[in-house]
Amino acid sequence: MASDTAGRGVAPALTAEDLVAAVPELAAEATLELVDFRKIPGAWLAVDDIVDLADLLNKRSSDTAGIVITQGTDTLEETAYLLDLLYTGNAPVVITGAMRNPQMPGADGPANILAAVRTAACPEARGIGVLVAFADELHAARHVQKTHSTSTSAFTSPGAGPVGHLVEGQPRIHFLVPRQAPIGLPVRLACVEVIEATLGSEGSLLDAPADRLDGLVVAAFGAGHVPQIWAQRLGNLAARIPVVLTSRTGAGSVLTHTYDFGPGSETDLLGRGLVNGGRLEPRKARLLLLALLRSGADQTAIRTVFAAHR
């Protein structure tokens, strides 16, 4: 993003060549092939954009040492996770961006790009899936979240922490996150939405025509609870489509049998057929369910995959 000469708000303007030109240190790091894949705001990205990107990465992973992707930060965490599900290669894939545009003092884009390139060229990063490089921290796609709207340290991994850091400019991987088996690229379309439990909500959105949905993710209170009047309707939906139970808190796991206060407790909801989303926060649970449905997975396969996250 950059502003035009009229001084209006920033919009997509910079090419890959422009970004690299702002980091002269890159010339000593690697031989770079530059590709302008899309030139749109992160908020405009669609699932099919990421599917197309995964297809490109899968085709190119065997003839490159590593891959760096830059994009707007609005959906960066979701791009990282969906790519992690669809990417089949071993070459490191590192995603980064910037919280401060080039016209702002202390713009962080150049430092983030340099860190991402160094990480993508790091042999220790091979085969561990997609990473996010931000503010000299390395985060696993499964855990990373954007937790602040403007801070340069907006990307964190609640409940897990970074898997590595840049130390004196060099990547250091502290621990590995087990890589999930890749999901096949989509063979059909599917629609999955997220509904969040809030105090006193009547759940009106649950009454929308269910035939428009192929799956639903519930961002529940705490360890997996919803208002009492939601329980029966969620059970009815779960009899027809996969309904995944997650926590809106952003960290921690949905429980299985600790609370049993009747309709709306996790014990009740799981008993009605909802799928336990485990440690996945709602946005990532949606992407996992969507990828599974679009790959043709049935209810049994969906439950098996989600069980690994408990």
C-alpha atoms as a PDB file:
ATOM      1  CA  MET A   1       0.000   0.000   0.000  1.00  0.00           C
ATOM      2  CA  ALA A   2       1.072   3.583  -0.684  1.00  0.00           C
ATOM      3  CA  SER A   3      -0.597   6.956  -1.112  1.00  0.00           C
ATOM      4  CA  ASP A   4      -0.851   8.818  -4.399  1.00  0.00           C
ATOM      5  CA  THR A   5       0.424  12.300  -5.113  1.00  0.00           C
ATOM      6  CA  ALA A   6      -2.912  13.775  -4.001  1.00  0.00           C
ATOM      7  CA  GLY A   7      -2.170  12.612  -0.472  1.00  0.00           C
ATOM      8  CA  ARG A   8      -5.233  10.423  -0.139  1.00  0.00           C
ATOM      9  CA  GLY A   9      -5.362   7.270   1.993  1.00  0.00           C
ATOM     10  CA  VAL A  10      -3.124   4.373   1.011  1.00  0.00           C
ATOM     11  CA  ALA A  11      -4.194   1.765  -1.544  1.00  0.00           C
ATOM     12  CA  PRO A  12      -2.442  -1.051  -3.437  1.00  0.00           C
ATOM     13  CA  ALA A  13       0.268   0.602  -5.522  1.00  0.00           C
ATOM     14  CA  LEU A  14       3.635  -1.115  -5.035  1.00  0.00           C
ATOM     15  CA  THR A  15       4.917  -3.995  -7.161  1.00  0.00           C
ATOM     16  CA  ALA A  16       7.176  -6.797  -5.992  1.00  0.00           C
ATOM     17  CA  GLU A  17      10.032  -4.947  -7.686  1.00  0.00           C
ATOM     18  CA  ASP A  18       9.225  -1.808  -5.687  1.00  0.00           C
ATOM     19  CA  LEU A  19       9.223  -3.744  -2.414  1.00  0.00           C
ATOM     20  CA  VAL A  20      12.573  -5.382  -3.135  1.00  0.00           C
ATOM     21  CA  ALA A  21      14.126  -2.091  -4.255  1.00  0.00           C
ATOM     22  CA  ALA A  22      13.409  -0.689  -0.789  1.00  0.00           C
ATOM     23  CA  VAL A  23      15.623  -3.384   0.795  1.00  0.00           C
ATOM     24  CA  PRO A  24      19.109  -3.164  -0.776  1.00  0.00           C
ATOM     25  CA  GLU A  25      20.409  -5.824   1.654  1.00  0.00           C
ATOM     26  CA  LEU A  26      18.426  -8.450  -0.252  1.00  0.00           C
ATOM     27  CA  ALA A  27      20.991  -8.448  -3.055  1.00  0.00           C
ATOM     28  CA  ALA A  28      23.417 -10.280  -0.777  1.00  0.00           C
ATOM     29  CA  GLU A  29      20.848 -12.778   0.528  1.00  0.00           C
ATOM     30  CA  ALA A  30      19.495 -14.667  -2.475  1.00  0.00           C
ATOM     31  CA  THR A  31      18.685 -14.642  -6.163  1.00  0.00           C
ATOM     32  CA  LEU A  32      15.085 -13.500  -6.292  1.00  0.00           C
ATOM     33  CA  GLU A  33      12.408 -14.191  -8.870  1.00  0.00           C
ATOM     34  CA  LEU A  34       9.646 -11.585  -8.515  1.00  0.00           C
ATOM     35  CA  VAL A  35       5.988 -12.343  -9.223  1.00  0.00           C
ATOM     36  CA  ASP A  36       3.028  -9.967  -8.930  1.00  0.00           C
ATOM     37  CA  PHE A  37       0.314 -12.530  -8.250  1.00  0.00           C
ATOM     38  CA  ARG A  38      -2.535 -10.193  -7.228  1.00  0.00           C
ATOM     39  CA  LYS A  39      -2.632  -6.439  -6.658  1.00  0.00           C
ATOM     40  CA  ILE A  40      -5.659  -6.013  -4.415  1.00  0.00           C
ATOM     41  CA  PRO A  41      -6.258  -5.196  -0.725  1.00  0.00           C
ATOM     42  CA  GLY A  42      -6.060  -8.111   1.678  1.00  0.00           C
ATOM     43  CA  ALA A  43      -9.713  -7.519   2.542  1.00  0.00           C
ATOM     44  CA  TRP A  44     -10.688  -8.286  -1.058  1.00  0.00           C
ATOM     45  CA  LEU A  45      -9.002 -11.688  -1.203  1.00  0.00           C
ATOM     46  CA  ALA A  46     -11.262 -14.678  -1.793  1.00  0.00           C
ATOM     47  CA  VAL A  47     -10.717 -18.340  -0.991  1.00  0.00           C
ATOM     48  CA  ASP A  48     -10.205 -19.104  -4.681  1.00  0.00           C
ATOM     49  CA  ASP A  49      -7.323 -16.600  -4.798  1.00  0.00           C
ATOM     50  CA  ILE A  50      -5.543 -18.625  -2.128  1.00  0.00           C
ATOM     51  CA  VAL A  51      -6.415 -21.894  -3.882  1.00  0.00           C
ATOM     52  CA  ASP A  52      -4.800 -20.544  -7.065  1.00  0.00           C
ATOM     53  CA  LEU A  53      -1.770 -19.424  -5.071  1.00  0.00           C
ATOM     54  CA  ALA A  54      -1.438 -22.861  -3.451  1.00  0.00           C
ATOM     55  CA  ASP A  55      -1.575 -24.464  -6.896  1.00  0.00           C
ATOM     56  CA  LEU A  56       1.257 -22.196  -8.062  1.00  0.00           C
ATOM     57  CA  LEU A  57       3.354 -22.922  -4.968  1.00  0.00           C
ATOM     58  CA  ASN A  58       2.845 -26.667  -5.301  1.00  0.00           C
ATOM     59  CA  LYS A  59       4.096 -26.509  -8.894  1.00  0.00           C
ATOM     60  CA  ARG A  60       7.123 -24.371  -8.054  1.00  0.00           C
ATOM     61  CA  SER A  61       8.234 -25.756  -4.685  1.00  0.00           C
ATOM     62  CA  SER A  62      10.623 -28.309  -6.148  1.00  0.00           C
ATOM     63  CA  ASP A  63      12.710 -25.758  -8.088  1.00  0.00           C
ATOM     64  CA  THR A  64      13.133 -23.041  -5.468  1.00  0.00           C
ATOM     65  CA  ALA A  65      14.940 -22.749  -2.152  1.00  0.00           C
ATOM     66  CA  GLY A  66      12.084 -20.865  -0.528  1.00  0.00           C
ATOM     67  CA  ILE A  67       9.078 -18.649  -1.142  1.00  0.00           C
ATOM     68  CA  VAL A  68       8.127 -15.281   0.367  1.00  0.00           C
ATOM     69  CA  ILE A  69       4.617 -13.879   0.069  1.00  0.00           C
ATOM     70  CA  THR A  70       3.693 -10.310   0.961  1.00  0.00           C
ATOM     71  CA  GLN A  71       0.100  -9.211   1.421  1.00  0.00           C
ATOM     72  CA  GLY A  72      -2.121  -6.838   3.370  1.00  0.00           C
ATOM     73  CA  THR A  73      -2.425  -7.746   7.016  1.00  0.00           C
ATOM     74  CA  ASP A  74      -6.247  -7.817   7.224  1.00  0.00           C
ATOM     75  CA  THR A  75      -6.417 -11.475   6.164  1.00  0.00           C
ATOM     76  CA  LEU A  76      -2.768 -12.481   6.447  1.00  0.00           C
ATOM     77  CA  GLU A  77      -3.369 -15.016   9.234  1.00  0.00           C
ATOM     78  CA  GLU A  78      -6.115 -16.694   7.195  1.00  0.00           C
ATOM     79  CA  THR A  79      -4.000 -16.837   4.043  1.00  0.00           C
ATOM     80  CA  ALA A  80      -1.210 -18.430   6.049  1.00  0.00           C
ATOM     81  CA  TYR A  81      -3.448 -21.112   7.534  1.00  0.00           C
ATOM     82  CA  LEU A  82      -5.299 -21.959   4.325  1.00  0.00           C
ATOM     83  CA  LEU A  83      -2.007 -22.215   2.440  1.00  0.00           C
ATOM     84  CA  ASP A  84      -0.674 -24.438   5.206  1.00  0.00           C
ATOM     85  CA  LEU A  85      -3.624 -26.773   4.577  1.00  0.00           C
ATOM     86  CA  LEU A  86      -3.203 -26.834   0.789  1.00  0.00           C
ATOM     87  CA  TYR A  87       0.572 -26.608   0.298  1.00  0.00           C
ATOM     88  CA  THR A  88       2.277 -29.949  -0.417  1.00  0.00           C
ATOM     89  CA  GLY A  89       5.898 -28.879  -0.878  1.00  0.00           C
ATOM     90  CA  ASN A  90       8.884 -28.784   1.467  1.00  0.00           C
ATOM     91  CA  ALA A  91      10.402 -25.468   0.402  1.00  0.00           C
ATOM     92  CA  PRO A  92       9.818 -22.905   3.163  1.00  0.00           C
ATOM     93  CA  VAL A  93       6.871 -20.548   2.649  1.00  0.00           C
ATOM     94  CA  VAL A  94       7.061 -17.340   4.672  1.00  0.00           C
ATOM     95  CA  ILE A  95       4.340 -14.691   4.650  1.00  0.00           C
ATOM     96  CA  THR A  96       4.854 -11.126   5.775  1.00  0.00           C
ATOM     97  CA  GLY A  97       3.466  -7.633   5.400  1.00  0.00           C
ATOM     98  CA  ALA A  98       3.616  -4.249   7.056  1.00  0.00           C
ATOM     99  CA  MET A  99       1.631  -2.401   9.685  1.00  0.00           C
ATOM    100  CA  ARG A 100       3.102   0.992   8.736  1.00  0.00           C
ATOM    101  CA  ASN A 101       2.918   2.095   5.114  1.00  0.00           C
ATOM    102  CA  PRO A 102       6.031   3.571   3.410  1.00  0.00           C
ATOM    103  CA  GLN A 103       4.938   7.165   4.038  1.00  0.00           C
ATOM    104  CA  MET A 104       4.902   6.642   7.815  1.00  0.00           C
ATOM    105  CA  PRO A 105       7.928   7.133  10.091  1.00  0.00           C
ATOM    106  CA  GLY A 106       9.443   3.791  11.054  1.00  0.00           C
ATOM    107  CA  ALA A 107       7.814   1.811   8.235  1.00  0.00           C
ATOM    108  CA  ASP A 108       8.278  -1.878   9.083  1.00  0.00           C
ATOM    109  CA  GLY A 109       7.844  -3.403   5.623  1.00  0.00           C
ATOM    110  CA  PRO A 110      11.526  -3.519   4.580  1.00  0.00           C
ATOM    111  CA  ALA A 111      12.689  -5.170   7.815  1.00  0.00           C
ATOM    112  CA  ASN A 112       9.884  -7.724   7.613  1.00  0.00           C
ATOM    113  CA  ILE A 113      10.705  -8.585   3.994  1.00  0.00           C
ATOM    114  CA  LEU A 114      14.392  -9.025   4.827  1.00  0.00           C
ATOM    115  CA  ALA A 115      13.510 -11.304   7.755  1.00  0.00           C
ATOM    116  CA  ALA A 116      11.115 -13.311   5.561  1.00  0.00           C
ATOM    117  CA  VAL A 117      13.695 -13.835   2.799  1.00  0.00           C
ATOM    118  CA  ARG A 118      16.335 -14.919   5.296  1.00  0.00           C
ATOM    119  CA  THR A 119      13.894 -17.369   6.840  1.00  0.00           C
ATOM    120  CA  ALA A 120      12.766 -18.739   3.479  1.00  0.00           C
ATOM    121  CA  ALA A 121      16.432 -19.426   2.641  1.00  0.00           C
ATOM    122  CA  CYS A 122      17.030 -21.168   5.981  1.00  0.00           C
ATOM    123  CA  PRO A 123      17.476 -24.970   5.697  1.00  0.00           C
ATOM    124  CA  GLU A 124      15.921 -25.444   9.168  1.00  0.00           C
ATOM    125  CA  ALA A 125      12.655 -24.004   7.844  1.00  0.00           C
ATOM    126  CA  ARG A 126      12.216 -26.709   5.210  1.00  0.00           C
ATOM    127  CA  GLY A 127       9.316 -29.089   5.594  1.00  0.00           C
ATOM    128  CA  ILE A 128       7.682 -27.350   8.565  1.00  0.00           C
ATOM    129  CA  GLY A 129       4.838 -25.679   6.711  1.00  0.00           C
ATOM    130  CA  VAL A 130       3.898 -22.031   6.346  1.00  0.00           C
ATOM    131  CA  LEU A 131       5.419 -19.423   8.663  1.00  0.00           C
ATOM    132  CA  VAL A 132       4.587 -15.769   9.303  1.00  0.00           C
ATOM    133  CA  ALA A 133       7.518 -13.395   9.824  1.00  0.00           C
ATOM    134  CA  PHE A 134       6.740 -10.162  11.652  1.00  0.00           C
ATOM    135  CA  ALA A 135       8.732  -7.892  13.976  1.00  0.00           C
ATOM    136  CA  ASP A 136      11.624 -10.412  14.070  1.00  0.00           C
ATOM    137  CA  GLU A 137       9.293 -13.165  15.265  1.00  0.00           C
ATOM    138  CA  LEU A 138       8.369 -16.359  13.408  1.00  0.00           C
ATOM    139  CA  HIS A 139       4.914 -17.806  13.910  1.00  0.00           C
ATOM    140  CA  ALA A 140       3.358 -21.093  12.812  1.00  0.00           C
ATOM    141  CA  ALA A 141       0.351 -20.654  10.542  1.00  0.00           C
ATOM    142  CA  ARG A 142      -1.777 -22.819  12.841  1.00  0.00           C
ATOM    143  CA  HIS A 143      -1.392 -20.475  15.812  1.00  0.00           C
ATOM    144  CA  VAL A 144      -0.770 -16.974  14.476  1.00  0.00           C
ATOM    145  CA  GLN A 145      -3.418 -14.280  14.897  1.00  0.00           C
ATOM    146  CA  LYS A 146      -3.596 -10.566  14.260  1.00  0.00           C
ATOM    147  CA  THR A 147      -4.343  -9.255  17.728  1.00  0.00           C
ATOM    148  CA  HIS A 148      -4.010  -5.495  17.272  1.00  0.00           C
ATOM    149  CA  SER A 149      -5.342  -3.178  14.573  1.00  0.00           C
ATOM    150  CA  THR A 150      -2.270  -0.932  14.229  1.00  0.00           C
ATOM    151  CA  SER A 151       0.701  -2.106  16.333  1.00  0.00           C
ATOM    152  CA  THR A 152       3.851  -3.283  14.566  1.00  0.00           C
ATOM    153  CA  SER A 153       3.763  -6.289  16.919  1.00  0.00           C
ATOM    154  CA  ALA A 154       0.187  -7.098  15.934  1.00  0.00           C
ATOM    155  CA  PHE A 155       0.918 -10.741  15.076  1.00  0.00           C
ATOM    156  CA  THR A 156       1.111 -13.122  18.012  1.00  0.00           C
ATOM    157  CA  SER A 157       0.397 -16.774  18.720  1.00  0.00           C
ATOM    158  CA  PRO A 158      -1.916 -16.904  21.770  1.00  0.00           C
ATOM    159  CA  GLY A 159      -1.436 -20.027  23.819  1.00  0.00           C
ATOM    160  CA  ALA A 160       1.670 -21.076  21.906  1.00  0.00           C
ATOM    161  CA  GLY A 161       4.097 -18.223  21.301  1.00  0.00           C
ATOM    162  CA  PRO A 162       6.453 -17.773  18.338  1.00  0.00           C
ATOM    163  CA  VAL A 163       8.243 -20.831  16.975  1.00  0.00           C
ATOM    164  CA  GLY A 164      11.345 -18.756  16.298  1.00  0.00           C
ATOM    165  CA  HIS A 165      13.029 -15.357  16.189  1.00  0.00           C
ATOM    166  CA  LEU A 166      15.485 -13.440  14.072  1.00  0.00           C
ATOM    167  CA  VAL A 167      18.644 -13.112  16.177  1.00  0.00           C
ATOM    168  CA  GLU A 168      21.269 -10.710  14.823  1.00  0.00           C
ATOM    169  CA  GLY A 169      19.421 -10.954  11.540  1.00  0.00           C
ATOM    170  CA  GLN A 170      19.495 -14.748  11.368  1.00  0.00           C
ATOM    171  CA  PRO A 171      16.464 -17.038  11.834  1.00  0.00           C
ATOM    172  CA  ARG A 172      16.448 -19.333  14.848  1.00  0.00           C
ATOM    173  CA  ILE A 173      13.752 -22.023  15.021  1.00  0.00           C
ATOM    174  CA  HIS A 174      13.001 -22.882  18.654  1.00  0.00           C
ATOM    175  CA  PHE A 175      10.476 -25.685  18.224  1.00  0.00           C
ATOM    176  CA  LEU A 176       8.383 -27.331  15.522  1.00  0.00           C
ATOM    177  CA  VAL A 177       4.618 -27.634  15.230  1.00  0.00           C
ATOM    178  CA  PRO A 178       3.515 -31.013  13.816  1.00  0.00           C
ATOM    179  CA  ARG A 179       2.465 -30.444  10.228  1.00  0.00           C
ATOM    180  CA  GLN A 180      -1.047 -31.480   9.254  1.00  0.00           C
ATOM    181  CA  ALA A 181      -1.382 -33.724   6.216  1.00  0.00           C
ATOM    182  CA  PRO A 182      -2.191 -31.508   3.207  1.00  0.00           C
ATOM    183  CA  ILE A 183      -5.778 -31.369   2.010  1.00  0.00           C
ATOM    184  CA  GLY A 184      -6.394 -31.892  -1.696  1.00  0.00           C
ATOM    185  CA  LEU A 185      -7.193 -28.834  -3.790  1.00  0.00           C
ATOM    186  CA  PRO A 186     -10.943 -28.194  -4.080  1.00  0.00           C
ATOM    187  CA  VAL A 187     -13.128 -30.295  -6.321  1.00  0.00           C
ATOM    188  CA  ARG A 188     -16.392 -28.504  -5.520  1.00  0.00           C
ATOM    189  CA  LEU A 189     -17.777 -25.291  -4.044  1.00  0.00           C
ATOM    190  CA  ALA A 190     -18.944 -25.004  -0.447  1.00  0.00           C
ATOM    191  CA  CYS A 191     -20.230 -22.312   1.901  1.00  0.00           C
ATOM    192  CA  VAL A 192     -19.200 -22.157   5.577  1.00  0.00           C
ATOM    193  CA  GLU A 193     -19.961 -19.258   7.908  1.00  0.00           C
ATOM    194  CA  VAL A 194     -19.160 -18.325  11.526  1.00  0.00           C
ATOM    195  CA  ILE A 195     -21.739 -17.281  14.124  1.00  0.00           C
ATOM    196  CA  GLU A 196     -20.607 -15.819  17.452  1.00  0.00           C
ATOM    197  CA  ALA A 197     -22.387 -16.291  20.762  1.00  0.00           C
ATOM    198  CA  THR A 198     -23.021 -13.037  22.619  1.00  0.00           C
ATOM    199  CA  LEU A 199     -24.818 -12.170  25.850  1.00  0.00           C
ATOM    200  CA  GLY A 200     -28.569 -12.520  25.405  1.00  0.00           C
ATOM    201  CA  SER A 201     -28.401 -13.218  21.672  1.00  0.00           C
ATOM    202  CA  GLU A 202     -31.565 -14.778  20.267  1.00  0.00           C
ATOM    203  CA  GLY A 203     -29.582 -16.445  17.495  1.00  0.00           C
ATOM    204  CA  SER A 204     -31.698 -15.016  14.702  1.00  0.00           C
ATOM    205  CA  LEU A 205     -29.040 -15.935  12.158  1.00  0.00           C
ATOM    206  CA  LEU A 206     -29.581 -19.599  13.010  1.00  0.00           C
ATOM    207  CA  ASP A 207     -33.026 -19.302  11.449  1.00  0.00           C
ATOM    208  CA  ALA A 208     -31.635 -18.310   8.045  1.00  0.00           C
ATOM    209  CA  PRO A 209     -32.288 -20.882   5.304  1.00  0.00           C
ATOM    210  CA  ALA A 210     -29.974 -23.752   6.154  1.00  0.00           C
ATOM    211  CA  ASP A 211     -29.882 -24.920   2.550  1.00  0.00           C
ATOM    212  CA  ARG A 212     -27.502 -22.032   1.828  1.00  0.00           C
ATOM    213  CA  LEU A 213     -24.855 -23.507   4.129  1.00  0.00           C
ATOM    214  CA  ASP A 214     -22.656 -26.572   3.775  1.00  0.00           C
ATOM    215  CA  GLY A 215     -21.149 -26.084   7.220  1.00  0.00           C
ATOM    216  CA  LEU A 216     -21.221 -23.792  10.244  1.00  0.00           C
ATOM    217  CA  VAL A 217     -18.686 -22.779  12.905  1.00  0.00           C
ATOM    218  CA  VAL A 218     -19.929 -21.593  16.292  1.00  0.00           C
ATOM    219  CA  ALA A 219     -17.686 -19.131  18.144  1.00  0.00           C
ATOM    220  CA  ALA A 220     -18.963 -20.030  21.587  1.00  0.00           C
ATOM    221  CA  PHE A 221     -18.479 -18.564  25.050  1.00  0.00           C
ATOM    222  CA  GLY A 222     -15.531 -19.802  27.101  1.00  0.00           C
ATOM    223  CA  ALA A 223     -14.918 -23.525  26.829  1.00  0.00           C
ATOM    224  CA  GLY A 224     -17.779 -24.134  24.382  1.00  0.00           C
ATOM    225  CA  HIS A 225     -21.084 -22.708  25.645  1.00  0.00           C
ATOM    226  CA  VAL A 226     -23.983 -20.902  23.954  1.00  0.00           C
ATOM    227  CA  PRO A 227     -27.294 -19.369  25.075  1.00  0.00           C
ATOM    228  CA  GLN A 228     -29.870 -21.974  26.091  1.00  0.00           C
ATOM    229  CA  ILE A 229     -32.230 -21.076  23.234  1.00  0.00           C
ATOM    230  CA  TRP A 230     -29.517 -21.874  20.657  1.00  0.00           C
ATOM    231  CA  ALA A 231     -29.048 -25.502  21.678  1.00  0.00           C
ATOM    232  CA  GLN A 232     -31.974 -27.177  19.932  1.00  0.00           C
ATOM    233  CA  ARG A 233     -31.505 -25.237  16.704  1.00  0.00           C
ATOM    234  CA  LEU A 234     -27.797 -26.097  16.612  1.00  0.00           C
ATOM    235  CA  GLY A 235     -28.656 -29.732  17.150  1.00  0.00           C
ATOM    236  CA  ASN A 236     -31.121 -29.611  14.262  1.00  0.00           C
ATOM    237  CA  LEU A 237     -28.481 -28.070  12.015  1.00  0.00           C
ATOM    238  CA  ALA A 238     -25.876 -30.639  13.072  1.00  0.00           C
ATOM    239  CA  ALA A 239     -28.196 -33.381  11.891  1.00  0.00           C
ATOM    240  CA  ARG A 240     -27.909 -31.980   8.354  1.00  0.00           C
ATOM    241  CA  ILE A 241     -24.521 -30.261   8.039  1.00  0.00           C
ATOM    242  CA  PRO A 242     -21.241 -30.258   9.989  1.00  0.00           C
ATOM    243  CA  VAL A 243     -21.409 -27.754  12.864  1.00  0.00           C
ATOM    244  CA  VAL A 244     -18.055 -27.116  14.571  1.00  0.00           C
ATOM    245  CA  LEU A 245     -17.903 -25.848  18.155  1.00  0.00           C
ATOM    246  CA  THR A 246     -15.045 -23.428  18.916  1.00  0.00           C
ATOM    247  CA  SER A 247     -14.233 -20.822  21.546  1.00  0.00           C
ATOM    248  CA  ARG A 248     -14.477 -17.112  20.804  1.00  0.00           C
ATOM    249  CA  THR A 249     -11.691 -16.411  23.336  1.00  0.00           C
ATOM    250  CA  GLY A 250      -8.911 -16.972  20.802  1.00  0.00           C
ATOM    251  CA  ALA A 251      -6.849 -19.331  22.968  1.00  0.00           C
ATOM    252  CA  GLY A 252      -7.396 -22.534  24.869  1.00  0.00           C
ATOM    253  CA  SER A 253      -9.510 -25.530  23.938  1.00  0.00           C
ATOM    254  CA  VAL A 254     -13.170 -26.431  23.801  1.00  0.00           C
ATOM    255  CA  LEU A 255     -13.817 -28.905  26.620  1.00  0.00           C
ATOM    256  CA  THR A 256     -15.680 -32.199  26.334  1.00  0.00           C
ATOM    257  CA  HIS A 257     -17.449 -32.947  29.633  1.00  0.00           C
ATOM    258  CA  THR A 258     -16.455 -30.487  32.377  1.00  0.00           C
ATOM    259  CA  TYR A 259     -19.651 -28.415  32.241  1.00  0.00           C
ATOM    260  CA  ASP A 260     -23.038 -30.106  32.108  1.00  0.00           C
ATOM    261  CA  PHE A 261     -25.565 -27.445  33.083  1.00  0.00           C
ATOM    262  CA  GLY A 262     -28.045 -28.524  30.445  1.00  0.00           C
ATOM    263  CA  PRO A 263     -28.868 -26.930  27.078  1.00  0.00           C
ATOM    264  CA  GLY A 264     -25.941 -24.907  25.771  1.00  0.00           C
ATOM    265  CA  SER A 265     -23.144 -26.550  27.766  1.00  0.00           C
ATOM    266  CA  GLU A 266     -20.331 -28.231  25.835  1.00  0.00           C
ATOM    267  CA  THR A 267     -21.512 -31.638  27.079  1.00  0.00           C
ATOM    268  CA  ASP A 268     -24.995 -30.944  25.750  1.00  0.00           C
ATOM    269  CA  LEU A 269     -23.858 -29.516  22.411  1.00  0.00           C
ATOM    270  CA  LEU A 270     -21.421 -32.311  21.644  1.00  0.00           C
ATOM    271  CA  GLY A 271     -24.157 -34.765  22.554  1.00  0.00           C
ATOM    272  CA  ARG A 272     -26.359 -33.114  19.920  1.00  0.00           C
ATOM    273  CA  GLY A 273     -23.777 -33.899  17.241  1.00  0.00           C
ATOM    274  CA  LEU A 274     -21.620 -30.774  17.082  1.00  0.00           C
ATOM    275  CA  VAL A 275     -17.975 -31.350  16.155  1.00  0.00           C
ATOM    276  CA  ASN A 276     -15.388 -30.357  18.775  1.00  0.00           C
ATOM    277  CA  GLY A 277     -13.096 -27.725  17.250  1.00  0.00           C
ATOM    278  CA  GLY A 278     -10.492 -28.237  19.962  1.00  0.00           C
ATOM    279  CA  ARG A 279      -7.782 -25.570  20.031  1.00  0.00           C
ATOM    280  CA  LEU A 280      -8.664 -23.970  16.696  1.00  0.00           C
ATOM    281  CA  GLU A 281      -9.995 -20.441  16.909  1.00  0.00           C
ATOM    282  CA  PRO A 282     -13.168 -19.831  14.859  1.00  0.00           C
ATOM    283  CA  ARG A 283     -11.611 -18.322  11.721  1.00  0.00           C
ATOM    284  CA  LYS A 284      -9.160 -21.169  11.299  1.00  0.00           C
ATOM    285  CA  ALA A 285     -11.829 -23.764  12.088  1.00  0.00           C
ATOM    286  CA  ARG A 286     -13.924 -22.260   9.280  1.00  0.00           C
ATOM    287  CA  LEU A 287     -11.051 -22.561   6.812  1.00  0.00           C
ATOM    288  CA  LEU A 288     -10.325 -26.153   7.821  1.00  0.00           C
ATOM    289  CA  LEU A 289     -13.973 -27.142   7.507  1.00  0.00           C
ATOM    290  CA  LEU A 290     -14.268 -25.295   4.193  1.00  0.00           C
ATOM    291  CA  ALA A 291     -11.148 -26.952   2.771  1.00  0.00           C
ATOM    292  CA  LEU A 292     -12.387 -30.390   3.853  1.00  0.00           C
ATOM    293  CA  LEU A 293     -15.846 -29.859   2.368  1.00  0.00           C
ATOM    294  CA  ARG A 294     -14.445 -28.509  -0.885  1.00  0.00           C
ATOM    295  CA  SER A 295     -12.137 -31.521  -1.149  1.00  0.00           C
ATOM    296  CA  GLY A 296     -15.151 -33.847  -0.877  1.00  0.00           C
ATOM    297  CA  ALA A 297     -14.641 -35.071   2.716  1.00  0.00           C
ATOM    298  CA  ASP A 298     -17.602 -36.713   4.438  1.00  0.00           C
ATOM    299  CA  GLN A 299     -18.747 -36.308   8.062  1.00  0.00           C
ATOM    300  CA  THR A 300     -16.536 -39.158   9.304  1.00  0.00           C
ATOM    301  CA  ALA A 301     -13.404 -37.707   7.707  1.00  0.00           C
ATOM    302  CA  ILE A 302     -14.242 -34.235   9.039  1.00  0.00           C
ATOM    303  CA  ARG A 303     -14.588 -35.530  12.598  1.00  0.00           C
ATOM    304  CA  THR A 304     -11.290 -37.428  12.308  1.00  0.00           C
ATOM    305  CA  VAL A 305      -9.366 -34.351  11.186  1.00  0.00           C
ATOM    306  CA  PHE A 306     -10.852 -32.087  13.851  1.00  0.00           C
ATOM    307  CA  ALA A 307     -10.170 -34.702  16.532  1.00  0.00           C
ATOM    308  CA  ALA A 308      -6.440 -34.159  15.950  1.00  0.00           C
ATOM    309  CA  HIS A 309      -6.848 -30.587  17.212  1.00  0.00           C
ATOM    310  CA  ARG A 310      -8.200 -31.594  20.613  1.00  0.00           C
END
